[in-house]
């Protein structure tokens, strides 16, 4: 039995329950955060066909259900996490291997979600997953990827917070792999403190820290005098939105 089988088989009982409350209150709390961060990127059509790859315990699917989306399916290989999802009345989940499942559903989805999955894969598997997502999307369909930001101040500690994480991504490398796999209109954003009354102080302090860190980078690396194009994203978490072109280049994803 390899390390993945040992860890994922007991993912909740040996890991998740020690860092999560695993209650309805937790799911409702995450739904509020998702609404502020992700809702603007979700399809306007509540009947859009959406796939949540590696859906885990169904937090994002719970959010989509609350928002009225009717055709959302999630897959994961952790039976323990899927059981948690069902306890929260998230029923449209299946125990499936994503590398087997996605290629069998070519051109079926308006949107595919990949929250907290690519950091669990090696480099070949990352490209394999993104290629499979590309194939499973309808032309013009979108993907949403979220992961830890290795370029943040404590990036290494966040990337390796989980033993099953294989690697980390920066905003530049995340852009790179998405374009390599045929996606266009790629946008990568940082996810900082969510602005509400209770987090107002955190938001203000983060803005100060962010400016200080960017000032430090300008001193260390220089400004490039316009010769380099890059967005400096230093938030601990980041997400990317990308589209499958409506008209594919010859050969599609490469």
Protein backbone atom coordinates (compact mmCIF):
# COMPACT_ATOMS: atom_id res chain seq x y z
CA UNK A 1 0.00 0.00 0.00
CA UNK A 2 1.51 3.36 -1.02
CA UNK A 3 1.41 6.56 1.05
CA UNK A 4 -1.62 7.96 -0.79
CA UNK A 5 -3.75 4.91 -0.10
CA UNK A 6 -2.75 4.92 3.58
CA UNK A 7 -3.41 8.65 4.05
CA UNK A 8 -6.57 9.07 1.96
CA UNK A 9 -8.25 5.96 3.31
CA UNK A 10 -8.20 7.52 6.80
CA UNK A 11 -8.08 11.17 5.80
CA UNK A 12 -10.80 12.34 8.19
CA UNK A 13 -10.07 10.11 11.17
CA UNK A 14 -6.28 10.61 11.07
CA UNK A 15 -6.00 14.21 9.85
CA UNK A 16 -9.07 16.33 9.10
CA UNK A 17 -10.88 15.97 12.41
CA UNK A 18 -7.84 17.41 14.17
CA UNK A 19 -7.95 20.69 12.19
CA UNK A 20 -11.69 21.02 11.40
CA UNK A 21 -14.78 21.29 13.58
CA UNK A 22 -16.81 19.28 11.05
CA UNK A 23 -20.15 20.85 11.95
CA UNK A 24 -22.99 22.56 10.10
CA UNK A 25 -21.73 25.87 11.50
CA UNK A 26 -18.40 25.26 9.75
CA UNK A 27 -20.14 24.58 6.43
CA UNK A 28 -22.30 27.71 6.78
CA UNK A 29 -19.24 29.80 7.66
CA UNK A 30 -17.37 28.57 4.57
CA UNK A 31 -20.44 29.26 2.42
CA UNK A 32 -20.35 32.92 3.44
CA UNK A 33 -16.67 33.14 2.54
CA UNK A 34 -17.22 31.40 -0.80
CA UNK A 35 -20.08 33.76 -1.63
CA UNK A 36 -17.82 36.79 -1.16
CA UNK A 37 -14.90 35.28 -3.09
CA UNK A 38 -16.27 32.94 -5.76
CA UNK A 39 -19.92 33.68 -6.48
CA UNK A 40 -19.13 36.30 -9.13
CA UNK A 41 -17.25 33.63 -11.11
CA UNK A 42 -20.02 31.02 -11.01
CA UNK A 43 -22.32 30.54 -14.03
CA UNK A 44 -25.37 32.79 -14.03
CA UNK A 45 -27.48 29.85 -15.19
CA UNK A 46 -28.45 27.85 -12.08
CA UNK A 47 -28.97 24.80 -14.32
CA UNK A 48 -25.35 24.86 -15.54
CA UNK A 49 -23.64 21.47 -15.32
CA UNK A 50 -20.86 21.76 -12.74
CA UNK A 51 -18.26 19.19 -11.65
CA UNK A 52 -16.38 19.49 -8.33
CA UNK A 53 -13.23 17.43 -8.75
CA UNK A 54 -11.79 16.12 -5.46
CA UNK A 55 -14.81 17.56 -3.67
CA UNK A 56 -13.66 16.30 -0.27
CA UNK A 57 -16.27 16.72 2.43
CA UNK A 58 -18.48 18.77 0.11
CA UNK A 59 -17.98 22.29 1.52
CA UNK A 60 -18.11 23.94 -1.91
CA UNK A 61 -21.00 21.79 -3.08
CA UNK A 62 -22.89 22.76 0.09
CA UNK A 63 -22.33 26.40 -0.87
CA UNK A 64 -23.52 25.85 -4.45
CA UNK A 65 -26.61 24.04 -3.21
CA UNK A 66 -27.46 27.01 -0.95
CA UNK A 67 -27.07 29.30 -3.96
CA UNK A 68 -29.61 27.26 -5.94
CA UNK A 69 -27.41 25.38 -8.43
CA UNK A 70 -29.24 22.26 -9.58
CA UNK A 71 -26.71 20.19 -11.54
CA UNK A 72 -23.59 19.80 -9.42
CA UNK A 73 -21.71 16.51 -9.12
CA UNK A 74 -18.66 15.85 -6.95
CA UNK A 75 -16.09 13.06 -7.03
CA UNK A 76 -13.40 12.05 -4.54
CA UNK A 77 -11.46 8.95 -3.57
CA UNK A 78 -11.87 9.48 0.18
CA UNK A 79 -14.91 7.55 1.36
CA UNK A 80 -14.64 9.16 4.81
CA UNK A 81 -14.92 12.67 3.38
CA UNK A 82 -17.80 11.71 1.09
CA UNK A 83 -19.67 10.33 4.09
CA UNK A 84 -19.29 13.73 5.79
CA UNK A 85 -20.71 15.41 2.69
CA UNK A 86 -23.75 13.12 2.77
CA UNK A 87 -24.30 13.90 6.46
CA UNK A 88 -24.56 17.57 5.42
CA UNK A 89 -27.20 16.60 2.84
CA UNK A 90 -24.76 16.90 -0.08
CA UNK A 91 -25.87 13.75 -1.88
CA UNK A 92 -24.64 14.08 -5.47
CA UNK A 93 -21.16 12.75 -4.70
CA UNK A 94 -19.41 9.67 -6.03
CA UNK A 95 -16.34 7.73 -4.98
CA UNK A 96 -14.36 7.92 -8.20
CA UNK A 97 -10.80 8.38 -9.42
CA UNK A 98 -10.63 11.67 -11.29
CA UNK A 99 -8.12 10.37 -13.84
CA UNK A 100 -10.58 7.65 -14.82
CA UNK A 101 -13.82 9.60 -14.48
CA UNK A 102 -13.10 12.84 -16.35
CA UNK A 103 -11.95 11.28 -19.67
CA UNK A 104 -15.24 9.34 -19.75
CA UNK A 105 -17.24 12.60 -19.73
CA UNK A 106 -15.85 14.54 -22.68
CA UNK A 107 -17.48 17.91 -23.36
CA UNK A 108 -20.13 17.58 -20.64
CA UNK A 109 -19.48 20.37 -18.14
CA UNK A 110 -20.05 24.12 -18.14
CA UNK A 111 -17.66 24.53 -15.22
CA UNK A 112 -15.17 22.34 -13.37
CA UNK A 113 -13.91 23.16 -9.88
CA UNK A 114 -10.51 22.04 -8.65
CA UNK A 115 -10.18 23.31 -5.09
CA UNK A 116 -7.13 22.13 -3.15
CA UNK A 117 -6.17 19.29 -5.49
CA UNK A 118 -3.23 20.25 -7.74
CA UNK A 119 -0.82 20.53 -4.80
CA UNK A 120 -1.47 16.82 -4.08
CA UNK A 121 -0.14 15.77 -7.52
CA UNK A 122 3.27 15.38 -9.06
CA UNK A 123 4.13 17.45 -12.13
CA UNK A 124 3.09 14.88 -14.71
CA UNK A 125 -0.19 14.32 -12.86
CA UNK A 126 -0.91 18.07 -12.76
CA UNK A 127 -0.74 18.25 -16.55
CA UNK A 128 -2.74 15.04 -16.85
CA UNK A 129 -5.47 16.46 -14.60
CA UNK A 130 -5.66 19.80 -16.43
CA UNK A 131 -5.78 18.00 -19.78
CA UNK A 132 -8.64 15.84 -18.47
CA UNK A 133 -10.49 18.93 -17.23
CA UNK A 134 -9.99 20.60 -20.61
CA UNK A 135 -11.44 17.56 -22.38
CA UNK A 136 -14.43 17.30 -20.01
CA UNK A 137 -15.41 20.96 -20.45
CA UNK A 138 -17.79 22.21 -23.08
CA UNK A 139 -16.25 24.75 -25.50
CA UNK A 140 -16.28 28.08 -23.66
CA UNK A 141 -16.51 26.33 -20.28
CA UNK A 142 -14.52 27.53 -17.29
CA UNK A 143 -12.37 26.01 -14.60
CA UNK A 144 -11.69 27.38 -11.15
CA UNK A 145 -8.50 26.25 -9.42
CA UNK A 146 -7.54 27.20 -5.87
CA UNK A 147 -4.35 26.32 -4.03
CA UNK A 148 -1.78 27.60 -1.55
CA UNK A 149 0.50 30.39 -2.76
CA UNK A 150 4.16 29.35 -2.42
CA UNK A 151 5.17 32.98 -3.06
CA UNK A 152 3.52 34.18 0.16
CA UNK A 153 5.56 35.06 3.23
CA UNK A 154 4.99 31.68 4.89
CA UNK A 155 4.44 29.84 1.62
CA UNK A 156 6.54 26.78 2.44
CA UNK A 157 4.69 26.11 5.70
CA UNK A 158 1.34 26.35 3.91
CA UNK A 159 2.37 24.20 0.96
CA UNK A 160 3.58 21.42 3.24
CA UNK A 161 0.88 21.64 5.91
CA UNK A 162 -0.41 18.30 4.58
CA UNK A 163 1.86 15.25 4.19
CA UNK A 164 0.13 14.36 0.91
CA UNK A 165 1.07 17.67 -0.75
CA UNK A 166 3.61 17.05 -3.49
CA UNK A 167 4.53 20.60 -4.50
CA UNK A 168 3.67 24.26 -4.46
CA UNK A 169 2.69 26.83 -7.06
CA UNK A 170 3.37 30.52 -7.51
CA UNK A 171 1.02 32.78 -9.49
CA UNK A 172 3.43 32.60 -12.44
CA UNK A 173 3.75 28.80 -12.48
CA UNK A 174 -0.03 28.40 -12.09
CA UNK A 175 -0.54 30.64 -15.11
CA UNK A 176 2.05 28.61 -16.99
CA UNK A 177 0.54 25.16 -16.53
CA UNK A 178 -2.96 26.37 -17.42
CA UNK A 179 -1.75 27.86 -20.70
CA UNK A 180 0.36 24.78 -21.48
CA UNK A 181 -2.82 22.70 -21.22
CA UNK A 182 -4.71 24.86 -23.72
CA UNK A 183 -6.68 27.25 -21.48
CA UNK A 184 -6.92 30.93 -22.26
CA UNK A 185 -8.25 34.07 -20.53
CA UNK A 186 -6.27 32.93 -17.47
CA UNK A 187 -6.58 35.17 -14.41
CA UNK A 188 -4.88 34.46 -11.08
CA UNK A 189 -5.94 36.32 -7.93
CA UNK A 190 -4.86 36.37 -4.32
CA UNK A 191 -7.30 35.50 -1.55
CA UNK A 192 -6.65 37.72 1.44
CA UNK A 193 -8.83 38.40 4.50
CA UNK A 194 -12.52 38.53 3.59
CA UNK A 195 -13.93 41.98 4.25
CA UNK A 196 -16.64 42.08 6.87
CA UNK A 197 -17.12 43.95 10.13
CA UNK A 198 -15.30 41.42 12.29
CA UNK A 199 -12.29 41.21 9.94
CA UNK A 200 -12.02 44.93 9.21
CA UNK A 201 -8.85 45.30 11.29
CA UNK A 202 -7.26 42.25 9.64
CA UNK A 203 -8.04 43.64 6.20
CA UNK A 204 -6.43 46.97 7.05
CA UNK A 205 -3.33 45.35 8.55
CA UNK A 206 -3.00 43.04 5.55
CA UNK A 207 -2.99 46.01 3.16
CA UNK A 208 -0.11 47.53 5.13
CA UNK A 209 1.83 44.26 5.22
CA UNK A 210 1.22 43.66 1.51
CA UNK A 211 2.66 47.08 0.60
CA UNK A 212 5.69 46.53 2.86
CA UNK A 213 6.43 43.14 1.29
CA UNK A 214 6.12 44.53 -2.24
CA UNK A 215 8.45 47.39 -1.26
CA UNK A 216 10.96 44.81 0.02
CA UNK A 217 10.74 42.87 -3.25
CA UNK A 218 11.29 46.06 -5.23
CA UNK A 219 14.49 46.66 -3.25
CA UNK A 220 15.68 43.05 -3.53
CA UNK A 221 14.80 42.35 -7.16
CA UNK A 222 14.46 45.77 -8.74
CA UNK A 223 11.53 46.98 -10.77
CA UNK A 224 12.67 45.44 -14.04
CA UNK A 225 12.34 48.78 -15.87
CA UNK A 226 9.34 47.47 -17.75
CA UNK A 227 11.22 44.47 -19.16
CA UNK A 228 9.28 41.88 -17.16
CA UNK A 229 5.53 41.33 -16.93
CA UNK A 230 4.29 39.88 -13.68
CA UNK A 231 1.66 40.47 -11.04
CA UNK A 232 3.00 40.29 -7.50
CA UNK A 233 0.49 38.25 -5.52
CA UNK A 234 1.48 37.63 -1.90
CA UNK A 235 -1.78 36.46 -0.30
CA UNK A 236 -1.48 33.00 1.33
CA UNK A 237 -4.11 31.49 -0.98
CA UNK A 238 -4.74 32.09 -4.64
CA UNK A 239 -7.19 30.96 -7.27
CA UNK A 240 -7.26 30.93 -11.04
CA UNK A 241 -10.12 31.26 -13.50
CA UNK A 242 -9.53 30.05 -17.06
CA UNK A 243 -11.59 29.17 -20.13
CA UNK A 244 -11.60 26.47 -22.74
CA UNK A 245 -11.65 28.30 -26.09
CA UNK A 246 -14.92 28.10 -27.98
CA UNK A 247 -12.95 27.44 -31.15
CA UNK A 248 -10.06 25.07 -30.53
CA UNK A 249 -6.69 25.31 -32.15
CA UNK A 250 -5.79 22.27 -34.17
CA UNK A 251 -5.21 19.47 -31.70
CA UNK A 252 -6.89 21.27 -28.77
CA UNK A 253 -4.92 20.94 -25.53
CA UNK A 254 -1.30 20.00 -26.07
